[in-house]
PDB file of N, CA and C in Angstrom:
ATOM      1  N   MET A   1      84.231 107.338  85.381  1.00  0.00           N
ATOM      2  CA  MET A   1      83.151 106.822  86.196  1.00  0.00           C
ATOM      3  C   MET A   1      83.391 107.197  87.656  1.00  0.00           C
ATOM      4  N   ALA A   2      82.353 107.624  88.337  1.00  0.00           N
ATOM      5  CA  ALA A   2      82.460 108.060  89.736  1.00  0.00           C
ATOM      6  C   ALA A   2      82.677 106.856  90.653  1.00  0.00           C
ATOM      7  N   ILE A   3      83.304 107.127  91.777  1.00  0.00           N
ATOM      8  CA  ILE A   3      83.531 106.097  92.787  1.00  0.00           C
ATOM      9  C   ILE A   3      83.113 106.662  94.145  1.00  0.00           C
ATOM     10  N   LYS A   4      82.420 105.841  94.926  1.00  0.00           N
ATOM     11  CA  LYS A   4      81.954 106.257  96.249  1.00  0.00           C
ATOM     12  C   LYS A   4      82.846 105.616  97.305  1.00  0.00           C
ATOM     13  N   LEU A   5      83.287 106.438  98.258  1.00  0.00           N
ATOM     14  CA  LEU A   5      84.183 105.984  99.319  1.00  0.00           C
ATOM     15  C   LEU A   5      83.497 106.078 100.672  1.00  0.00           C
ATOM     16  N   TYR A   6      83.774 105.083 101.522  1.00  0.00           N
ATOM     17  CA  TYR A   6      83.334 105.103 102.916  1.00  0.00           C
ATOM     18  C   TYR A   6      84.487 105.687 103.725  1.00  0.00           C
ATOM     19  N   VAL A   7      84.172 106.621 104.622  1.00  0.00           N
ATOM     20  CA  VAL A   7      85.184 107.231 105.483  1.00  0.00           C
ATOM     21  C   VAL A   7      84.758 107.018 106.928  1.00  0.00           C
ATOM     22  N   GLY A   8      85.527 106.236 107.668  1.00  0.00           N
ATOM     23  CA  GLY A   8      85.209 105.932 109.058  1.00  0.00           C
ATOM     24  C   GLY A   8      86.188 106.578 110.014  1.00  0.00           C
ATOM     25  N   GLY A   9      85.796 106.658 111.276  1.00  0.00           N
ATOM     26  CA  GLY A   9      86.665 107.204 112.316  1.00  0.00           C
ATOM     27  C   GLY A   9      86.702 108.715 112.348  1.00  0.00           C
ATOM     28  N   LEU A  10      85.680 109.358 111.792  1.00  0.00           N
ATOM     29  CA  LEU A  10      85.659 110.821 111.779  1.00  0.00           C
ATOM     30  C   LEU A  10      85.389 111.396 113.165  1.00  0.00           C
ATOM     31  N   ALA A  11      86.004 112.529 113.441  1.00  0.00           N
ATOM     32  CA  ALA A  11      85.688 113.270 114.665  1.00  0.00           C
ATOM     33  C   ALA A  11      84.239 113.745 114.548  1.00  0.00           C
ATOM     34  N   TYR A  12      83.535 113.798 115.660  1.00  0.00           N
ATOM     35  CA  TYR A  12      82.126 114.191 115.634  1.00  0.00           C
ATOM     36  C   TYR A  12      81.914 115.638 115.207  1.00  0.00           C
ATOM     37  N   SER A  13      82.972 116.422 115.226  1.00  0.00           N
ATOM     38  CA  SER A  13      82.862 117.837 114.864  1.00  0.00           C
ATOM     39  C   SER A  13      83.050 118.094 113.362  1.00  0.00           C
ATOM     40  N   VAL A  14      83.426 117.085 112.601  1.00  0.00           N
ATOM     41  CA  VAL A  14      83.699 117.263 111.168  1.00  0.00           C
ATOM     42  C   VAL A  14      82.415 117.596 110.414  1.00  0.00           C
ATOM     43  N   THR A  15      82.508 118.592 109.528  1.00  0.00           N
ATOM     44  CA  THR A  15      81.363 119.004 108.704  1.00  0.00           C
ATOM     45  C   THR A  15      81.508 118.432 107.289  1.00  0.00           C
ATOM     46  N   ASP A  16      80.423 118.509 106.529  1.00  0.00           N
ATOM     47  CA  ASP A  16      80.452 118.075 105.129  1.00  0.00           C
ATOM     48  C   ASP A  16      81.520 118.846 104.357  1.00  0.00           C
ATOM     49  N   GLN A  17      81.593 120.145 104.579  1.00  0.00           N
ATOM     50  CA  GLN A  17      82.545 120.982 103.851  1.00  0.00           C
ATOM     51  C   GLN A  17      83.988 120.616 104.192  1.00  0.00           C
ATOM     52  N   GLN A  18      84.279 120.365 105.463  1.00  0.00           N
ATOM     53  CA  GLN A  18      85.630 119.962 105.856  1.00  0.00           C
ATOM     54  C   GLN A  18      86.015 118.635 105.204  1.00  0.00           C
ATOM     55  N   LEU A  19      85.068 117.698 105.164  1.00  0.00           N
ATOM     56  CA  LEU A  19      85.313 116.401 104.531  1.00  0.00           C
ATOM     57  C   LEU A  19      85.586 116.593 103.042  1.00  0.00           C
ATOM     58  N   ASN A  20      84.787 117.422 102.400  1.00  0.00           N
ATOM     59  CA  ASN A  20      84.977 117.734 100.983  1.00  0.00           C
ATOM     60  C   ASN A  20      86.372 118.310 100.746  1.00  0.00           C
ATOM     61  N   ASP A  21      86.748 119.307 101.521  1.00  0.00           N
ATOM     62  CA  ASP A  21      88.041 119.972 101.356  1.00  0.00           C
ATOM     63  C   ASP A  21      89.215 119.013 101.576  1.00  0.00           C
ATOM     64  N   PHE A  22      89.085 118.112 102.541  1.00  0.00           N
ATOM     65  CA  PHE A  22      90.144 117.155 102.851  1.00  0.00           C
ATOM     66  C   PHE A  22      90.384 116.213 101.670  1.00  0.00           C
ATOM     67  N   PHE A  23      89.318 115.763 101.032  1.00  0.00           N
ATOM     68  CA  PHE A  23      89.439 114.828  99.912  1.00  0.00           C
ATOM     69  C   PHE A  23      89.745 115.529  98.594  1.00  0.00           C
ATOM     70  N   ALA A  24      89.491 116.814  98.501  1.00  0.00           N
ATOM     71  CA  ALA A  24      89.732 117.565  97.269  1.00  0.00           C
ATOM     72  C   ALA A  24      91.211 117.600  96.895  1.00  0.00           C
ATOM     73  N   THR A  25      92.098 117.331  97.849  1.00  0.00           N
ATOM     74  CA  THR A  25      93.528 117.290  97.545  1.00  0.00           C
ATOM     75  C   THR A  25      93.872 116.116  96.633  1.00  0.00           C
ATOM     76  N   GLU A  26      92.984 115.107  96.570  1.00  0.00           N
ATOM     77  CA  GLU A  26      93.237 113.899  95.771  1.00  0.00           C
ATOM     78  C   GLU A  26      92.518 113.901  94.426  1.00  0.00           C
ATOM     79  N   GLY A  27      91.620 114.843  94.198  1.00  0.00           N
ATOM     80  CA  GLY A  27      90.880 114.894  92.943  1.00  0.00           C
ATOM     81  C   GLY A  27      89.550 115.593  93.136  1.00  0.00           C
ATOM     82  N   LYS A  28      88.757 115.643  92.072  1.00  0.00           N
ATOM     83  CA  LYS A  28      87.474 116.341  92.122  1.00  0.00           C
ATOM     84  C   LYS A  28      86.457 115.541  92.922  1.00  0.00           C
ATOM     85  N   VAL A  29      85.906 116.187  93.950  1.00  0.00           N
ATOM     86  CA  VAL A  29      84.882 115.590  94.811  1.00  0.00           C
ATOM     87  C   VAL A  29      83.519 116.031  94.290  1.00  0.00           C
ATOM     88  N   THR A  30      82.632 115.063  94.021  1.00  0.00           N
ATOM     89  CA  THR A  30      81.286 115.415  93.560  1.00  0.00           C
ATOM     90  C   THR A  30      80.307 115.527  94.718  1.00  0.00           C
ATOM     91  N   SER A  31      80.573 114.824  95.833  1.00  0.00           N
ATOM     92  CA  SER A  31      79.756 114.991  97.041  1.00  0.00           C
ATOM     93  C   SER A  31      80.521 114.470  98.257  1.00  0.00           C
ATOM     94  N   ALA A  32      80.234 115.066  99.404  1.00  0.00           N
ATOM     95  CA  ALA A  32      80.824 114.644 100.670  1.00  0.00           C
ATOM     96  C   ALA A  32      79.764 114.844 101.748  1.00  0.00           C
ATOM     97  N   VAL A  33      79.425 113.748 102.451  1.00  0.00           N
ATOM     98  CA  VAL A  33      78.352 113.800 103.435  1.00  0.00           C
ATOM     99  C   VAL A  33      78.789 113.094 104.715  1.00  0.00           C
ATOM    100  N   VAL A  34      78.671 113.792 105.834  1.00  0.00           N
ATOM    101  CA  VAL A  34      78.871 113.181 107.151  1.00  0.00           C
ATOM    102  C   VAL A  34      77.501 112.670 107.590  1.00  0.00           C
ATOM    103  N   ILE A  35      77.425 111.408 107.975  1.00  0.00           N
ATOM    104  CA  ILE A  35      76.151 110.809 108.372  1.00  0.00           C
ATOM    105  C   ILE A  35      75.830 111.219 109.804  1.00  0.00           C
ATOM    106  N   LYS A  36      74.591 111.661 109.983  1.00  0.00           N
ATOM    107  CA  LYS A  36      74.143 112.152 111.291  1.00  0.00           C
ATOM    108  C   LYS A  36      72.970 111.338 111.804  1.00  0.00           C
ATOM    109  N   ASP A  37      72.839 111.296 113.115  1.00  0.00           N
ATOM    110  CA  ASP A  37      71.708 110.631 113.757  1.00  0.00           C
ATOM    111  C   ASP A  37      70.433 111.381 113.397  1.00  0.00           C
ATOM    112  N   ARG A  38      69.418 110.656 113.019  1.00  0.00           N
ATOM    113  CA  ARG A  38      68.152 111.246 112.591  1.00  0.00           C
ATOM    114  C   ARG A  38      67.491 112.062 113.697  1.00  0.00           C
ATOM    115  N   ASP A  39      67.553 111.602 114.929  1.00  0.00           N
ATOM    116  CA  ASP A  39      66.865 112.277 116.027  1.00  0.00           C
ATOM    117  C   ASP A  39      67.663 113.429 116.633  1.00  0.00           C
ATOM    118  N   SER A  40      68.944 113.183 116.916  1.00  0.00           N
ATOM    119  CA  SER A  40      69.742 114.192 117.615  1.00  0.00           C
ATOM    120  C   SER A  40      70.505 115.130 116.685  1.00  0.00           C
ATOM    121  N   GLY A  41      70.745 114.709 115.444  1.00  0.00           N
ATOM    122  CA  GLY A  41      71.540 115.515 114.531  1.00  0.00           C
ATOM    123  C   GLY A  41      73.036 115.388 114.774  1.00  0.00           C
ATOM    124  N   GLN A  42      73.438 114.576 115.736  1.00  0.00           N
ATOM    125  CA  GLN A  42      74.845 114.346 116.074  1.00  0.00           C
ATOM    126  C   GLN A  42      75.490 113.444 115.018  1.00  0.00           C
ATOM    127  N   SER A  43      76.720 113.754 114.653  1.00  0.00           N
ATOM    128  CA  SER A  43      77.465 112.931 113.710  1.00  0.00           C
ATOM    129  C   SER A  43      77.591 111.512 114.248  1.00  0.00           C
ATOM    130  N   LYS A  44      77.557 110.539 113.331  1.00  0.00           N
ATOM    131  CA  LYS A  44      77.755 109.140 113.715  1.00  0.00           C
ATOM    132  C   LYS A  44      79.222 108.719 113.577  1.00  0.00           C
ATOM    133  N   GLY A  45      80.081 109.643 113.146  1.00  0.00           N
ATOM    134  CA  GLY A  45      81.510 109.336 113.075  1.00  0.00           C
ATOM    135  C   GLY A  45      81.938 108.698 111.760  1.00  0.00           C
ATOM    136  N   PHE A  46      81.073 108.721 110.757  1.00  0.00           N
ATOM    137  CA  PHE A  46      81.468 108.228 109.442  1.00  0.00           C
ATOM    138  C   PHE A  46      80.736 109.020 108.367  1.00  0.00           C
ATOM    139  N   GLY A  47      81.196 108.846 107.142  1.00  0.00           N
ATOM    140  CA  GLY A  47      80.574 109.567 106.036  1.00  0.00           C
ATOM    141  C   GLY A  47      80.917 108.926 104.712  1.00  0.00           C
ATOM    142  N   PHE A  48      80.465 109.561 103.642  1.00  0.00           N
ATOM    143  CA  PHE A  48      80.708 109.069 102.296  1.00  0.00           C
ATOM    144  C   PHE A  48      81.183 110.217 101.421  1.00  0.00           C
ATOM    145  N   VAL A  49      82.156 109.902 100.579  1.00  0.00           N
ATOM    146  CA  VAL A  49      82.694 110.875  99.632  1.00  0.00           C
ATOM    147  C   VAL A  49      82.604 110.245  98.249  1.00  0.00           C
ATOM    148  N   GLU A  50      82.074 110.995  97.301  1.00  0.00           N
ATOM    149  CA  GLU A  50      82.034 110.520  95.926  1.00  0.00           C
ATOM    150  C   GLU A  50      83.041 111.330  95.121  1.00  0.00           C
ATOM    151  N   MET A  51      83.950 110.602  94.491  1.00  0.00           N
ATOM    152  CA  MET A  51      84.984 111.218  93.658  1.00  0.00           C
ATOM    153  C   MET A  51      84.564 111.097  92.196  1.00  0.00           C
ATOM    154  N   GLU A  52      85.001 112.063  91.380  1.00  0.00           N
ATOM    155  CA  GLU A  52      84.571 112.117  89.990  1.00  0.00           C
ATOM    156  C   GLU A  52      85.012 110.910  89.164  1.00  0.00           C
ATOM    157  N   ASP A  53      86.204 110.376  89.449  1.00  0.00           N
ATOM    158  CA  ASP A  53      86.659 109.221  88.662  1.00  0.00           C
ATOM    159  C   ASP A  53      87.349 108.187  89.551  1.00  0.00           C
ATOM    160  N   ASP A  54      87.434 106.962  89.023  1.00  0.00           N
ATOM    161  CA  ASP A  54      88.014 105.839  89.759  1.00  0.00           C
ATOM    162  C   ASP A  54      89.445 106.111  90.205  1.00  0.00           C
ATOM    163  N   GLN A  55      90.245 106.687  89.324  1.00  0.00           N
ATOM    164  CA  GLN A  55      91.654 106.912  89.642  1.00  0.00           C
ATOM    165  C   GLN A  55      91.798 107.854  90.841  1.00  0.00           C
ATOM    166  N   ALA A  56      91.010 108.910  90.879  1.00  0.00           N
ATOM    167  CA  ALA A  56      91.055 109.833  92.013  1.00  0.00           C
ATOM    168  C   ALA A  56      90.628 109.114  93.291  1.00  0.00           C
ATOM    169  N   GLY A  57      89.626 108.255  93.188  1.00  0.00           N
ATOM    170  CA  GLY A  57      89.161 107.500  94.354  1.00  0.00           C
ATOM    171  C   GLY A  57      90.213 106.534  94.867  1.00  0.00           C
ATOM    172  N   GLN A  58      90.868 105.826  93.953  1.00  0.00           N
ATOM    173  CA  GLN A  58      91.919 104.889  94.357  1.00  0.00           C
ATOM    174  C   GLN A  58      93.101 105.640  94.969  1.00  0.00           C
ATOM    175  N   ASN A  59      93.426 106.796  94.414  1.00  0.00           N
ATOM    176  CA  ASN A  59      94.499 107.630  94.992  1.00  0.00           C
ATOM    177  C   ASN A  59      94.129 108.084  96.402  1.00  0.00           C
ATOM    178  N   ALA A  60      92.860 108.461  96.590  1.00  0.00           N
ATOM    179  CA  ALA A  60      92.406 108.896  97.917  1.00  0.00           C
ATOM    180  C   ALA A  60      92.503 107.758  98.925  1.00  0.00           C
ATOM    181  N   ILE A  61      92.123 106.552  98.513  1.00  0.00           N
ATOM    182  CA  ILE A  61      92.216 105.394  99.416  1.00  0.00           C
ATOM    183  C   ILE A  61      93.666 105.181  99.832  1.00  0.00           C
ATOM    184  N   LYS A  62      94.575 105.166  98.872  1.00  0.00           N
ATOM    185  CA  LYS A  62      95.997 104.933  99.164  1.00  0.00           C
ATOM    186  C   LYS A  62      96.606 106.040 100.018  1.00  0.00           C
ATOM    187  N   SER A  63      96.249 107.282  99.706  1.00  0.00           N
ATOM    188  CA  SER A  63      96.873 108.423 100.386  1.00  0.00           C
ATOM    189  C   SER A  63      96.273 108.746 101.749  1.00  0.00           C
ATOM    190  N   LEU A  64      94.961 108.559 101.888  1.00  0.00           N
ATOM    191  CA  LEU A  64      94.285 109.069 103.086  1.00  0.00           C
ATOM    192  C   LEU A  64      93.901 108.001 104.109  1.00  0.00           C
ATOM    193  N   ASP A  65      93.889 106.722 103.723  1.00  0.00           N
ATOM    194  CA  ASP A  65      93.555 105.666 104.681  1.00  0.00           C
ATOM    195  C   ASP A  65      94.609 105.630 105.785  1.00  0.00           C
ATOM    196  N   GLY A  66      94.171 105.767 107.025  1.00  0.00           N
ATOM    197  CA  GLY A  66      95.080 105.769 108.170  1.00  0.00           C
ATOM    198  C   GLY A  66      95.651 107.132 108.503  1.00  0.00           C
ATOM    199  N   LYS A  67      95.348 108.124 107.687  1.00  0.00           N
ATOM    200  CA  LYS A  67      95.868 109.476 107.908  1.00  0.00           C
ATOM    201  C   LYS A  67      95.073 110.175 109.011  1.00  0.00           C
ATOM    202  N   GLU A  68      95.721 111.099 109.695  1.00  0.00           N
ATOM    203  CA  GLU A  68      95.052 111.859 110.753  1.00  0.00           C
ATOM    204  C   GLU A  68      94.247 113.005 110.158  1.00  0.00           C
ATOM    205  N   PHE A  69      93.017 113.138 110.630  1.00  0.00           N
ATOM    206  CA  PHE A  69      92.114 114.204 110.181  1.00  0.00           C
ATOM    207  C   PHE A  69      91.347 114.695 111.396  1.00  0.00           C
ATOM    208  N   ASN A  70      91.540 115.952 111.750  1.00  0.00           N
ATOM    209  CA  ASN A  70      90.918 116.556 112.948  1.00  0.00           C
ATOM    210  C   ASN A  70      91.193 115.742 114.214  1.00  0.00           C
ATOM    211  N   GLY A  71      92.438 115.293 114.344  1.00  0.00           N
ATOM    212  CA  GLY A  71      92.856 114.595 115.561  1.00  0.00           C
ATOM    213  C   GLY A  71      92.497 113.120 115.626  1.00  0.00           C
ATOM    214  N   ARG A  72      91.924 112.554 114.559  1.00  0.00           N
ATOM    215  CA  ARG A  72      91.554 111.130 114.548  1.00  0.00           C
ATOM    216  C   ARG A  72      92.146 110.453 113.321  1.00  0.00           C
ATOM    217  N   SER A  73      92.524 109.207 113.481  1.00  0.00           N
ATOM    218  CA  SER A  73      93.002 108.411 112.354  1.00  0.00           C
ATOM    219  C   SER A  73      91.781 107.863 111.617  1.00  0.00           C
ATOM    220  N   ILE A  74      91.652 108.182 110.336  1.00  0.00           N
ATOM    221  CA  ILE A  74      90.465 107.776 109.586  1.00  0.00           C
ATOM    222  C   ILE A  74      90.737 106.535 108.740  1.00  0.00           C
ATOM    223  N   SER A  75      89.686 105.824 108.409  1.00  0.00           N
ATOM    224  CA  SER A  75      89.787 104.704 107.476  1.00  0.00           C
ATOM    225  C   SER A  75      89.021 105.083 106.214  1.00  0.00           C
ATOM    226  N   VAL A  76      89.610 104.760 105.075  1.00  0.00           N
ATOM    227  CA  VAL A  76      89.001 105.078 103.784  1.00  0.00           C
ATOM    228  C   VAL A  76      88.977 103.811 102.941  1.00  0.00           C
ATOM    229  N   ASN A  77      87.788 103.422 102.508  1.00  0.00           N
ATOM    230  CA  ASN A  77      87.599 102.228 101.689  1.00  0.00           C
ATOM    231  C   ASN A  77      86.572 102.523 100.602  1.00  0.00           C
ATOM    232  N   GLN A  78      86.553 101.675  99.593  1.00  0.00           N
ATOM    233  CA  GLN A  78      85.492 101.795  98.603  1.00  0.00           C
ATOM    234  C   GLN A  78      84.189 101.375  99.267  1.00  0.00           C
ATOM    235  N   ALA A  79      83.152 102.176  99.089  1.00  0.00           N
ATOM    236  CA  ALA A  79      81.861 101.901  99.722  1.00  0.00           C
ATOM    237  C   ALA A  79      81.219 100.675  99.096  1.00  0.00           C
ATOM    238  N   ARG A  80      80.553  99.881  99.930  1.00  0.00           N
ATOM    239  CA  ARG A  80      79.788  98.737  99.445  1.00  0.00           C
ATOM    240  C   ARG A  80      78.370  99.202  99.155  1.00  0.00           C
ATOM    241  N   PRO A  81      77.660  98.498  98.284  1.00  0.00           N
ATOM    242  CA  PRO A  81      76.258  98.878  98.015  1.00  0.00           C
ATOM    243  C   PRO A  81      75.426  98.802  99.289  1.00  0.00           C
ATOM    244  N   GLN A  82      74.466  99.706  99.410  1.00  0.00           N
ATOM    245  CA  GLN A  82      73.606  99.734 100.593  1.00  0.00           C
ATOM    246  C   GLN A  82      72.727  98.489 100.620  1.00  0.00           C
ATOM    247  N   GLU A  83      72.608  97.891 101.799  1.00  0.00           N
ATOM    248  CA  GLU A  83      71.771  96.712 101.959  1.00  0.00           C
ATOM    249  C   GLU A  83      70.303  97.098 101.967  1.00  0.00           C
ATOM    250  N   ASP A  84      69.469  96.186 101.541  1.00  0.00           N
ATOM    251  CA  ASP A  84      68.027  96.399 101.546  1.00  0.00           C
ATOM    252  C   ASP A  84      67.554  96.456 102.994  1.00  0.00           C
ATOM    253  N   ARG A  85      66.883  97.535 103.384  1.00  0.00           N
ATOM    254  CA  ARG A  85      66.472  97.718 104.774  1.00  0.00           C
ATOM    255  C   ARG A  85      64.967  97.598 104.965  1.00  0.00           C
ATOM    256  N   ARG A  86      64.256  97.059 103.980  1.00  0.00           N
ATOM    257  CA  ARG A  86      62.813  96.893 104.134  1.00  0.00           C
ATOM    258  C   ARG A  86      62.531  95.863 105.220  1.00  0.00           C
ATOM    259  N   PRO A  87      61.495  96.086 106.014  1.00  0.00           N
ATOM    260  CA  PRO A  87      61.174  95.123 107.074  1.00  0.00           C
ATOM    261  C   PRO A  87      60.670  93.812 106.487  1.00  0.00           C
ATOM    262  N   SER A  88      60.994  92.742 107.150  1.00  0.00           N
ATOM    263  CA  SER A  88      60.509  91.428 106.716  1.00  0.00           C
ATOM    264  C   SER A  88      59.107  91.199 107.270  1.00  0.00           C
ATOM    265  N   HIS A  89      58.443  90.204 106.765  1.00  0.00           N
ATOM    266  CA  HIS A  89      57.093  89.898 107.241  1.00  0.00           C
ATOM    267  C   HIS A  89      57.108  88.905 108.402  1.00  0.00           C
ATOM    268  N   GLY A  90      58.248  88.387 108.747  1.00  0.00           N
ATOM    269  CA  GLY A  90      58.345  87.410 109.826  1.00  0.00           C
ATOM    270  C   GLY A  90      58.811  88.045 111.113  1.00  0.00           C
ATOM    271  N   GLY A  91      59.033  87.253 112.097  1.00  0.00           N
ATOM    272  CA  GLY A  91      59.571  87.738 113.357  1.00  0.00           C
ATOM    273  C   GLY A  91      58.568  88.497 114.193  1.00  0.00           C
ATOM    274  N   ASN A  92      59.069  89.353 115.065  1.00  0.00           N
ATOM    275  CA  ASN A  92      58.223  90.089 115.995  1.00  0.00           C
ATOM    276  C   ASN A  92      57.949  91.516 115.560  1.00  0.00           C
ATOM    277  N   ASN A  93      57.970  91.780 114.296  1.00  0.00           N
ATOM    278  CA  ASN A  93      57.716  93.132 113.818  1.00  0.00           C
ATOM    279  C   ASN A  93      56.207  93.368 113.801  1.00  0.00           C
ATOM    280  N   ARG A  94      55.630  93.479 114.965  1.00  0.00           N
ATOM    281  CA  ARG A  94      54.175  93.520 115.113  1.00  0.00           C
ATOM    282  C   ARG A  94      53.529  94.725 114.444  1.00  0.00           C
ATOM    283  N   SER A  95      54.176  95.864 114.480  1.00  0.00           N
ATOM    284  CA  SER A  95      53.562  97.051 113.893  1.00  0.00           C
ATOM    285  C   SER A  95      53.486  96.926 112.373  1.00  0.00           C
ATOM    286  N   PHE A  96      54.363  96.122 111.781  1.00  0.00           N
ATOM    287  CA  PHE A  96      54.345  95.976 110.328  1.00  0.00           C
ATOM    288  C   PHE A  96      53.323  94.944 109.877  1.00  0.00           C
ATOM    289  N   ASN A  97      53.273  93.791 110.560  1.00  0.00           N
ATOM    290  CA  ASN A  97      52.405  92.725 110.065  1.00  0.00           C
ATOM    291  C   ASN A  97      51.013  92.730 110.696  1.00  0.00           C
ATOM    292  N   GLY A  98      50.706  93.695 111.493  1.00  0.00           N
ATOM    293  CA  GLY A  98      49.353  93.850 112.009  1.00  0.00           C
ATOM    294  C   GLY A  98      49.011  93.002 113.208  1.00  0.00           C
ATOM    295  N   ASP A  99      49.948  92.318 113.836  1.00  0.00           N
ATOM    296  CA  ASP A  99      49.653  91.450 114.977  1.00  0.00           C
ATOM    297  C   ASP A  99      48.989  92.194 116.126  1.00  0.00           C
ATOM    298  N   ARG A 100      49.338  93.430 116.332  1.00  0.00           N
ATOM    299  CA  ARG A 100      48.792  94.130 117.490  1.00  0.00           C
ATOM    300  C   ARG A 100      47.301  94.410 117.323  1.00  0.00           C
ATOM    301  N   ASN A 101      46.803  94.330 116.110  1.00  0.00           N
ATOM    302  CA  ASN A 101      45.380  94.568 115.865  1.00  0.00           C
ATOM    303  C   ASN A 101      44.552  93.289 115.897  1.00  0.00           C
ATOM    304  N   ARG A 102      45.183  92.159 116.020  1.00  0.00           N
ATOM    305  CA  ARG A 102      44.461  90.891 116.067  1.00  0.00           C
ATOM    306  C   ARG A 102      43.939  90.631 117.464  1.00  0.00           C
ATOM    307  N   ARG A 103      42.834  89.937 117.536  1.00  0.00           N
ATOM    308  CA  ARG A 103      42.284  89.569 118.840  1.00  0.00           C
ATOM    309  C   ARG A 103      43.116  88.491 119.476  1.00  0.00           C
ATOM    310  N   ARG A 104      43.215  88.564 120.737  1.00  0.00           N
ATOM    311  CA  ARG A 104      43.953  87.552 121.502  1.00  0.00           C
ATOM    312  C   ARG A 104      42.936  86.692 122.245  1.00  0.00           C
ATOM    313  N   TYR A 105      42.972  85.382 122.077  1.00  0.00           N
ATOM    314  CA  TYR A 105      42.008  84.467 122.725  1.00  0.00           C
ATOM    315  C   TYR A 105      42.664  83.693 123.826  1.00  0.00           C
TER     316      TYR A 105
END
């Protein structure tokens, strides 16, 4: 079963391929992605690596957490499930709930 890892503390210059190659020493990597800012394309300094099996992922956590990669000490943990990011209907989210189109008296 595949395991997804969170990798924090990455240098902004790290590419997907470099991240893949770094983790490949611990087992088969099925994907490696450095997260980038949507507008600027600049790295956000973290990424995700998916390893083919749990054992390879656990080995990567033990071996690579705190290790130096491109001049920075990285943190490696098992990734948590992504939180639901849908906007709520409450609060001041005016563009979502239509408040800006209502008449003001």
